C-alpha atoms as a PDB file:
ATOM      1  CA  MET A   1     -13.968 -16.724  -5.001  1.00  0.00           C
ATOM      2  CA  ASP A   2     -15.156 -14.531  -7.871  1.00  0.00           C
ATOM      3  CA  VAL A   3     -13.643 -11.114  -8.539  1.00  0.00           C
ATOM      4  CA  ILE A   4     -16.620  -9.119  -7.196  1.00  0.00           C
ATOM      5  CA  THR A   5     -16.481 -10.992  -3.899  1.00  0.00           C
ATOM      6  CA  ALA A   6     -12.752 -10.322  -3.638  1.00  0.00           C
ATOM      7  CA  ILE A   7     -13.282  -6.614  -4.334  1.00  0.00           C
ATOM      8  CA  ASN A   8     -16.009  -6.337  -1.703  1.00  0.00           C
ATOM      9  CA  GLU A   9     -14.181  -8.364   0.959  1.00  0.00           C
ATOM     10  CA  ARG A  10     -10.657  -6.985   0.621  1.00  0.00           C
ATOM     11  CA  THR A  11      -9.483  -4.570   3.273  1.00  0.00           C
ATOM     12  CA  SER A  12      -6.136  -3.114   4.287  1.00  0.00           C
ATOM     13  CA  ILE A  13      -4.301  -5.237   6.851  1.00  0.00           C
ATOM     14  CA  ARG A  14      -2.194  -3.515   9.498  1.00  0.00           C
ATOM     15  CA  GLY A  15      -1.282  -6.476  11.681  1.00  0.00           C
ATOM     16  CA  PHE A  16       0.501  -9.567  10.356  1.00  0.00           C
ATOM     17  CA  SER A  17       1.477 -12.949  11.728  1.00  0.00           C
ATOM     18  CA  LYS A  18       5.111 -14.054  11.700  1.00  0.00           C
ATOM     19  CA  LYS A  19       4.278 -16.918   9.336  1.00  0.00           C
ATOM     20  CA  PRO A  20       6.590 -16.631   6.314  1.00  0.00           C
ATOM     21  CA  VAL A  21       5.095 -16.280   2.859  1.00  0.00           C
ATOM     22  CA  PRO A  22       6.474 -18.909   0.453  1.00  0.00           C
ATOM     23  CA  ARG A  23       8.255 -17.539  -2.601  1.00  0.00           C
ATOM     24  CA  GLU A  24       5.959 -19.630  -4.803  1.00  0.00           C
ATOM     25  CA  ALA A  25       2.916 -17.838  -3.380  1.00  0.00           C
ATOM     26  CA  ILE A  26       4.486 -14.429  -4.032  1.00  0.00           C
ATOM     27  CA  GLU A  27       5.309 -15.444  -7.587  1.00  0.00           C
ATOM     28  CA  GLN A  28       1.639 -16.291  -8.146  1.00  0.00           C
ATOM     29  CA  LEU A  29       0.656 -12.785  -7.030  1.00  0.00           C
ATOM     30  CA  LEU A  30       3.270 -11.188  -9.258  1.00  0.00           C
ATOM     31  CA  ASP A  31       2.106 -13.336 -12.155  1.00  0.00           C
ATOM     32  CA  ALA A  32      -1.402 -11.920 -11.669  1.00  0.00           C
ATOM     33  CA  ALA A  33       0.040  -8.401 -11.480  1.00  0.00           C
ATOM     34  CA  ARG A  34       1.963  -8.727 -14.735  1.00  0.00           C
ATOM     35  CA  ARG A  35      -1.207  -9.740 -16.556  1.00  0.00           C
ATOM     36  CA  ALA A  36      -2.781  -6.336 -15.929  1.00  0.00           C
ATOM     37  CA  PRO A  37      -3.780  -4.179 -18.914  1.00  0.00           C
ATOM     38  CA  SER A  38      -1.429  -1.380 -19.950  1.00  0.00           C
ATOM     39  CA  ALA A  39      -1.476   1.268 -22.652  1.00  0.00           C
ATOM     40  CA  SER A  40       0.190  -0.029 -25.831  1.00  0.00           C
ATOM     41  CA  ASN A  41       1.052  -3.147 -23.803  1.00  0.00           C
ATOM     42  CA  GLN A  42       4.184  -1.412 -22.514  1.00  0.00           C
ATOM     43  CA  GLN A  43       3.891  -3.100 -19.079  1.00  0.00           C
ATOM     44  CA  PRO A  44       5.792  -0.343 -17.241  1.00  0.00           C
ATOM     45  CA  TRP A  45       5.886  -2.113 -13.876  1.00  0.00           C
ATOM     46  CA  ASN A  46       8.848  -3.665 -12.117  1.00  0.00           C
ATOM     47  CA  PHE A  47       8.881  -5.340  -8.697  1.00  0.00           C
ATOM     48  CA  VAL A  48      11.427  -5.501  -5.897  1.00  0.00           C
ATOM     49  CA  VAL A  49      10.559  -8.139  -3.279  1.00  0.00           C
ATOM     50  CA  VAL A  50      12.235  -7.819   0.125  1.00  0.00           C
ATOM     51  CA  THR A  51      12.102 -10.070   3.182  1.00  0.00           C
ATOM     52  CA  GLY A  52      14.177 -11.315   6.090  1.00  0.00           C
ATOM     53  CA  GLU A  53      16.934  -9.317   7.790  1.00  0.00           C
ATOM     54  CA  VAL A  54      17.209  -6.912   4.862  1.00  0.00           C
ATOM     55  CA  LYS A  55      13.569  -5.907   5.224  1.00  0.00           C
ATOM     56  CA  GLU A  56      13.805  -5.638   9.004  1.00  0.00           C
ATOM     57  CA  LYS A  57      16.872  -3.410   8.868  1.00  0.00           C
ATOM     58  CA  LEU A  58      15.354  -1.276   6.121  1.00  0.00           C
ATOM     59  CA  GLY A  59      12.238  -0.671   8.204  1.00  0.00           C
ATOM     60  CA  GLU A  60      14.249   0.237  11.289  1.00  0.00           C
ATOM     61  CA  GLU A  61      16.356   2.699   9.309  1.00  0.00           C
ATOM     62  CA  ILE A  62      13.297   4.299   7.711  1.00  0.00           C
ATOM     63  CA  LEU A  63      11.681   4.676  11.141  1.00  0.00           C
ATOM     64  CA  SER A  64      14.855   6.229  12.559  1.00  0.00           C
ATOM     65  CA  SER A  65      15.017   8.698   9.666  1.00  0.00           C
ATOM     66  CA  TYR A  66      11.350   9.532  10.109  1.00  0.00           C
ATOM     67  CA  LYS A  67      11.795  10.302  13.807  1.00  0.00           C
ATOM     68  CA  LYS A  68      14.820  12.489  13.101  1.00  0.00           C
ATOM     69  CA  ARG A  69      12.848  14.354  10.454  1.00  0.00           C
ATOM     70  CA  GLY A  70      10.403  15.560  13.106  1.00  0.00           C
ATOM     71  CA  THR A  71       7.517  16.189  10.702  1.00  0.00           C
ATOM     72  CA  HIS A  72       4.331  14.272  10.021  1.00  0.00           C
ATOM     73  CA  TYR A  73       3.447  12.629   6.748  1.00  0.00           C
ATOM     74  CA  ASP A  74       1.476  14.964   4.483  1.00  0.00           C
ATOM     75  CA  PRO A  75      -0.568  13.094   1.823  1.00  0.00           C
ATOM     76  CA  SER A  76      -1.064  16.367  -0.075  1.00  0.00           C
ATOM     77  CA  GLY A  77       2.664  16.827  -0.531  1.00  0.00           C
ATOM     78  CA  SER A  78       2.391  20.228   1.220  1.00  0.00           C
ATOM     79  CA  LYS A  79       0.051  21.416  -1.502  1.00  0.00           C
ATOM     80  CA  THR A  80      -3.453  22.683  -0.963  1.00  0.00           C
ATOM     81  CA  ILE A  81      -6.012  20.060  -1.953  1.00  0.00           C
ATOM     82  CA  PRO A  82      -9.798  20.427  -1.921  1.00  0.00           C
ATOM     83  CA  ARG A  83     -11.417  20.002   1.483  1.00  0.00           C
ATOM     84  CA  LEU A  84     -13.483  17.159   0.005  1.00  0.00           C
ATOM     85  CA  TYR A  85     -10.447  14.872  -0.006  1.00  0.00           C
ATOM     86  CA  LEU A  86      -9.149  16.031   3.355  1.00  0.00           C
ATOM     87  CA  GLU A  87     -12.516  15.205   4.888  1.00  0.00           C
ATOM     88  CA  ARG A  88     -12.272  11.659   3.562  1.00  0.00           C
ATOM     89  CA  THR A  89      -8.929  11.237   5.292  1.00  0.00           C
ATOM     90  CA  LYS A  90     -10.367  12.653   8.520  1.00  0.00           C
ATOM     91  CA  LYS A  91     -13.211  10.150   8.262  1.00  0.00           C
ATOM     92  CA  LEU A  92     -10.666   7.338   7.918  1.00  0.00           C
ATOM     93  CA  LEU A  93      -8.745   8.435  11.010  1.00  0.00           C
ATOM     94  CA  LYS A  94     -11.925   8.864  13.037  1.00  0.00           C
ATOM     95  CA  GLY A  95     -13.196   5.433  11.996  1.00  0.00           C
ATOM     96  CA  ILE A  96      -9.994   3.584  12.831  1.00  0.00           C
ATOM     97  CA  ARG A  97      -9.554   5.206  16.262  1.00  0.00           C
ATOM     98  CA  PRO A  98     -11.852   2.844  18.275  1.00  0.00           C
ATOM     99  CA  TYR A  99      -9.981  -0.195  16.961  1.00  0.00           C
ATOM    100  CA  LEU A 100      -6.624   1.293  17.908  1.00  0.00           C
ATOM    101  CA  GLU A 101      -7.886   2.211  21.375  1.00  0.00           C
ATOM    102  CA  LYS A 102      -8.397  -1.509  21.974  1.00  0.00           C
ATOM    103  CA  MET A 103      -4.683  -1.882  21.263  1.00  0.00           C
ATOM    104  CA  ASP A 104      -3.775   1.110  23.439  1.00  0.00           C
ATOM    105  CA  LYS A 105      -2.449   2.873  20.345  1.00  0.00           C
ATOM    106  CA  GLN A 106      -2.814   6.451  19.129  1.00  0.00           C
ATOM    107  CA  VAL A 107      -3.882   6.980  15.527  1.00  0.00           C
ATOM    108  CA  VAL A 108      -1.116   9.137  14.047  1.00  0.00           C
ATOM    109  CA  PRO A 109       1.891   7.338  15.613  1.00  0.00           C
ATOM    110  CA  PHE A 110       0.414   3.954  14.734  1.00  0.00           C
ATOM    111  CA  ILE A 111      -0.193   4.867  11.092  1.00  0.00           C
ATOM    112  CA  GLU A 112       3.086   6.680  10.541  1.00  0.00           C
ATOM    113  CA  GLU A 113       5.427   4.406  12.492  1.00  0.00           C
ATOM    114  CA  GLY A 114       3.532   1.365  11.256  1.00  0.00           C
ATOM    115  CA  SER A 115       4.030   2.480   7.666  1.00  0.00           C
ATOM    116  CA  CYS A 116       7.766   2.865   8.255  1.00  0.00           C
ATOM    117  CA  LEU A 117       7.914  -0.713   9.554  1.00  0.00           C
ATOM    118  CA  PHE A 118       5.506  -2.082   6.917  1.00  0.00           C
ATOM    119  CA  TYR A 119       3.149  -2.965   9.793  1.00  0.00           C
ATOM    120  CA  GLY A 120       5.353  -5.899  10.647  1.00  0.00           C
ATOM    121  CA  ALA A 121       4.591  -7.742   7.404  1.00  0.00           C
ATOM    122  CA  PRO A 122       7.160 -10.422   6.546  1.00  0.00           C
ATOM    123  CA  VAL A 123       7.364  -9.232   2.941  1.00  0.00           C
ATOM    124  CA  LEU A 124       7.657  -5.806   1.307  1.00  0.00           C
ATOM    125  CA  VAL A 125       6.976  -5.447  -2.408  1.00  0.00           C
ATOM    126  CA  LEU A 126       8.115  -2.227  -4.037  1.00  0.00           C
ATOM    127  CA  VAL A 127       6.552  -1.348  -7.381  1.00  0.00           C
ATOM    128  CA  THR A 128       8.878   0.705  -9.563  1.00  0.00           C
ATOM    129  CA  MET A 129       8.620   2.399 -12.945  1.00  0.00           C
ATOM    130  CA  ASP A 130      11.246   3.796 -15.299  1.00  0.00           C
ATOM    131  CA  LYS A 131      11.435   7.589 -15.129  1.00  0.00           C
ATOM    132  CA  VAL A 132      11.105   7.812 -18.912  1.00  0.00           C
ATOM    133  CA  HIS A 133       7.401   6.948 -18.670  1.00  0.00           C
ATOM    134  CA  PRO A 134       4.833   9.769 -18.472  1.00  0.00           C
ATOM    135  CA  HIS A 135       2.585  10.109 -15.421  1.00  0.00           C
ATOM    136  CA  SER A 136      -0.268   8.606 -17.421  1.00  0.00           C
ATOM    137  CA  LYS A 137       1.467   5.244 -17.030  1.00  0.00           C
ATOM    138  CA  LEU A 138       0.665   5.306 -13.323  1.00  0.00           C
ATOM    139  CA  ILE A 139      -2.815   4.013 -14.173  1.00  0.00           C
ATOM    140  CA  ASP A 140      -1.119   0.908 -15.575  1.00  0.00           C
ATOM    141  CA  ILE A 141       0.749   0.490 -12.299  1.00  0.00           C
ATOM    142  CA  GLY A 142      -2.544   0.828 -10.436  1.00  0.00           C
ATOM    143  CA  CYS A 143      -4.067  -1.976 -12.494  1.00  0.00           C
ATOM    144  CA  ALA A 144      -1.114  -4.249 -11.690  1.00  0.00           C
ATOM    145  CA  VAL A 145      -1.292  -3.440  -7.980  1.00  0.00           C
ATOM    146  CA  GLU A 146      -5.036  -4.150  -7.913  1.00  0.00           C
ATOM    147  CA  ASN A 147      -4.453  -7.547  -9.524  1.00  0.00           C
ATOM    148  CA  PHE A 148      -1.798  -8.250  -6.913  1.00  0.00           C
ATOM    149  CA  ILE A 149      -3.832  -7.358  -3.835  1.00  0.00           C
ATOM    150  CA  LEU A 150      -7.040  -9.043  -5.006  1.00  0.00           C
ATOM    151  CA  THR A 151      -5.175 -12.255  -5.774  1.00  0.00           C
ATOM    152  CA  ALA A 152      -3.498 -12.029  -2.365  1.00  0.00           C
ATOM    153  CA  HIS A 153      -6.896 -11.751  -0.671  1.00  0.00           C
ATOM    154  CA  ARG A 154      -8.206 -14.746  -2.585  1.00  0.00           C
ATOM    155  CA  LYS A 155      -5.241 -16.788  -1.334  1.00  0.00           C
ATOM    156  CA  GLY A 156      -5.753 -15.808   2.286  1.00  0.00           C
ATOM    157  CA  LEU A 157      -2.978 -13.212   2.338  1.00  0.00           C
ATOM    158  CA  GLY A 158      -3.289  -9.634   3.536  1.00  0.00           C
ATOM    159  CA  THR A 159      -1.883  -6.458   2.035  1.00  0.00           C
ATOM    160  CA  CYS A 160      -1.553  -2.791   2.834  1.00  0.00           C
ATOM    161  CA  VAL A 161      -0.547  -0.312   0.152  1.00  0.00           C
ATOM    162  CA  ILE A 162       1.953   2.144   1.657  1.00  0.00           C
ATOM    163  CA  ALA A 163       2.909   5.501   0.135  1.00  0.00           C
ATOM    164  CA  MET A 164       4.461   7.199   3.163  1.00  0.00           C
ATOM    165  CA  ILE A 165       7.791   5.452   2.662  1.00  0.00           C
ATOM    166  CA  LEU A 166       8.214   7.418  -0.576  1.00  0.00           C
ATOM    167  CA  MET A 167       9.408  10.258   1.665  1.00  0.00           C
ATOM    168  CA  PHE A 168      12.608   8.208   1.867  1.00  0.00           C
ATOM    169  CA  GLU A 169      12.743   7.037  -1.747  1.00  0.00           C
ATOM    170  CA  GLY A 170      16.370   8.013  -2.312  1.00  0.00           C
ATOM    171  CA  PHE A 171      17.477   6.208   0.833  1.00  0.00           C
ATOM    172  CA  ILE A 172      15.508   3.064  -0.062  1.00  0.00           C
ATOM    173  CA  LYS A 173      16.919   2.989  -3.582  1.00  0.00           C
ATOM    174  CA  GLU A 174      20.446   3.306  -2.227  1.00  0.00           C
ATOM    175  CA  ARG A 175      19.972   0.537   0.331  1.00  0.00           C
ATOM    176  CA  LEU A 176      18.384  -1.907  -2.121  1.00  0.00           C
ATOM    177  CA  GLY A 177      20.448  -1.059  -5.192  1.00  0.00           C
ATOM    178  CA  ILE A 178      17.506   0.254  -7.194  1.00  0.00           C
ATOM    179  CA  PRO A 179      18.816   2.300 -10.160  1.00  0.00           C
ATOM    180  CA  ASP A 180      18.286   6.046 -10.055  1.00  0.00           C
ATOM    181  CA  SER A 181      16.585   5.707 -13.444  1.00  0.00           C
ATOM    182  CA  MET A 182      13.616   4.109 -11.654  1.00  0.00           C
ATOM    183  CA  ASN A 183      10.926   5.728  -9.527  1.00  0.00           C
ATOM    184  CA  ILE A 184       9.431   3.846  -6.591  1.00  0.00           C
ATOM    185  CA  VAL A 185       5.699   4.235  -7.137  1.00  0.00           C
ATOM    186  CA  VAL A 186       4.355   2.477  -4.052  1.00  0.00           C
ATOM    187  CA  GLY A 187       5.100  -0.197  -1.487  1.00  0.00           C
ATOM    188  CA  ILE A 188       2.918  -3.166  -0.552  1.00  0.00           C
ATOM    189  CA  ALA A 189       3.111  -4.868   2.841  1.00  0.00           C
ATOM    190  CA  LEU A 190       2.344  -8.567   2.380  1.00  0.00           C
ATOM    191  CA  GLY A 191       1.722 -11.395   4.803  1.00  0.00           C
ATOM    192  CA  TYR A 192      -0.845 -13.523   6.583  1.00  0.00           C
ATOM    193  CA  PRO A 193      -3.303 -11.426   8.639  1.00  0.00           C
ATOM    194  CA  ASP A 194      -3.135 -11.749  12.414  1.00  0.00           C
ATOM    195  CA  GLY A 195      -6.724 -12.370  13.469  1.00  0.00           C
ATOM    196  CA  ASP A 196      -5.994 -11.256  17.038  1.00  0.00           C
ATOM    197  CA  VAL A 197      -5.105  -7.690  16.029  1.00  0.00           C
ATOM    198  CA  PRO A 198      -8.250  -5.519  16.483  1.00  0.00           C
ATOM    199  CA  VAL A 199      -7.369  -3.005  13.780  1.00  0.00           C
ATOM    200  CA  ASN A 200      -7.676  -5.691  11.113  1.00  0.00           C
ATOM    201  CA  ALA A 201     -11.456  -5.648  11.679  1.00  0.00           C
ATOM    202  CA  PHE A 202     -11.607  -2.023  10.531  1.00  0.00           C
ATOM    203  CA  ARG A 203     -13.007  -1.317   7.088  1.00  0.00           C
ATOM    204  CA  ALA A 204     -12.661   2.138   5.565  1.00  0.00           C
ATOM    205  CA  SER A 205     -15.894   3.716   4.346  1.00  0.00           C
ATOM    206  CA  LYS A 206     -16.384   4.474   0.667  1.00  0.00           C
ATOM    207  CA  GLU A 207     -18.243   7.432  -0.781  1.00  0.00           C
ATOM    208  CA  GLU A 208     -21.497   6.826  -2.619  1.00  0.00           C
ATOM    209  CA  LEU A 209     -21.334   6.416  -6.391  1.00  0.00           C
ATOM    210  CA  SER A 210     -23.622   9.424  -6.847  1.00  0.00           C
ATOM    211  CA  THR A 211     -20.930  11.729  -5.395  1.00  0.00           C
ATOM    212  CA  MET A 212     -18.383  10.845  -8.066  1.00  0.00           C
ATOM    213  CA  THR A 213     -20.267   9.907 -11.227  1.00  0.00           C
ATOM    214  CA  GLN A 214     -21.694  11.994 -14.055  1.00  0.00           C
ATOM    215  CA  TRP A 215     -24.119  10.314 -16.449  1.00  0.00           C
ATOM    216  CA  ILE A 216     -24.456  11.784 -19.950  1.00  0.00           C
ATOM    217  CA  GLY A 217     -26.959  10.701 -22.608  1.00  0.00           C
ATOM    218  CA  PHE A 218     -28.844   8.299 -20.339  1.00  0.00           C
ATOM    219  CA  GLU A 219     -32.575   8.511 -19.683  1.00  0.00           C
END
């Protein structure tokens, strides 16, 4: 599979089989991630890979904390963001609804509780970065994550990038022994897709290139 095919085919997976992912396979994905470009070759990424009872308990505790919190996840971080981006999120939720109805699930609880439990994936990969790095280094992290998820797709594995769990970053770091000097940038649910889960057939729409590109100096 060439890289363009992988980019076009990849989609977020929100239903996983119980089949375990071999450590060797995960190492191959991490090897692809570490080969990503980074400014001044500083390679600011670090990875924490969690599975088994530790992952299960972590998910249950995150879900319990979320329910006690009594508030919904806010992607804007309680800040006002342009309506343009809010509309894209609304489009996502509207598009995924018919697939969840087949599962007798409601959109918001499924997304939020599913995120807390890593959608039942057998593996959770946390991507961390030392706090000393400037925010500009996040683009390097993004490159590494893209390498990871595209390689996973090529190998028949599914992924879902999860940011909601960052609401509980301090708790996660404490439970997993992640130093306070590190920030958790994002989590990645990893496993083999369950083909019988309707929501896995959903593909999020993408805006047209013309809405986000400015051409200068071209005829």
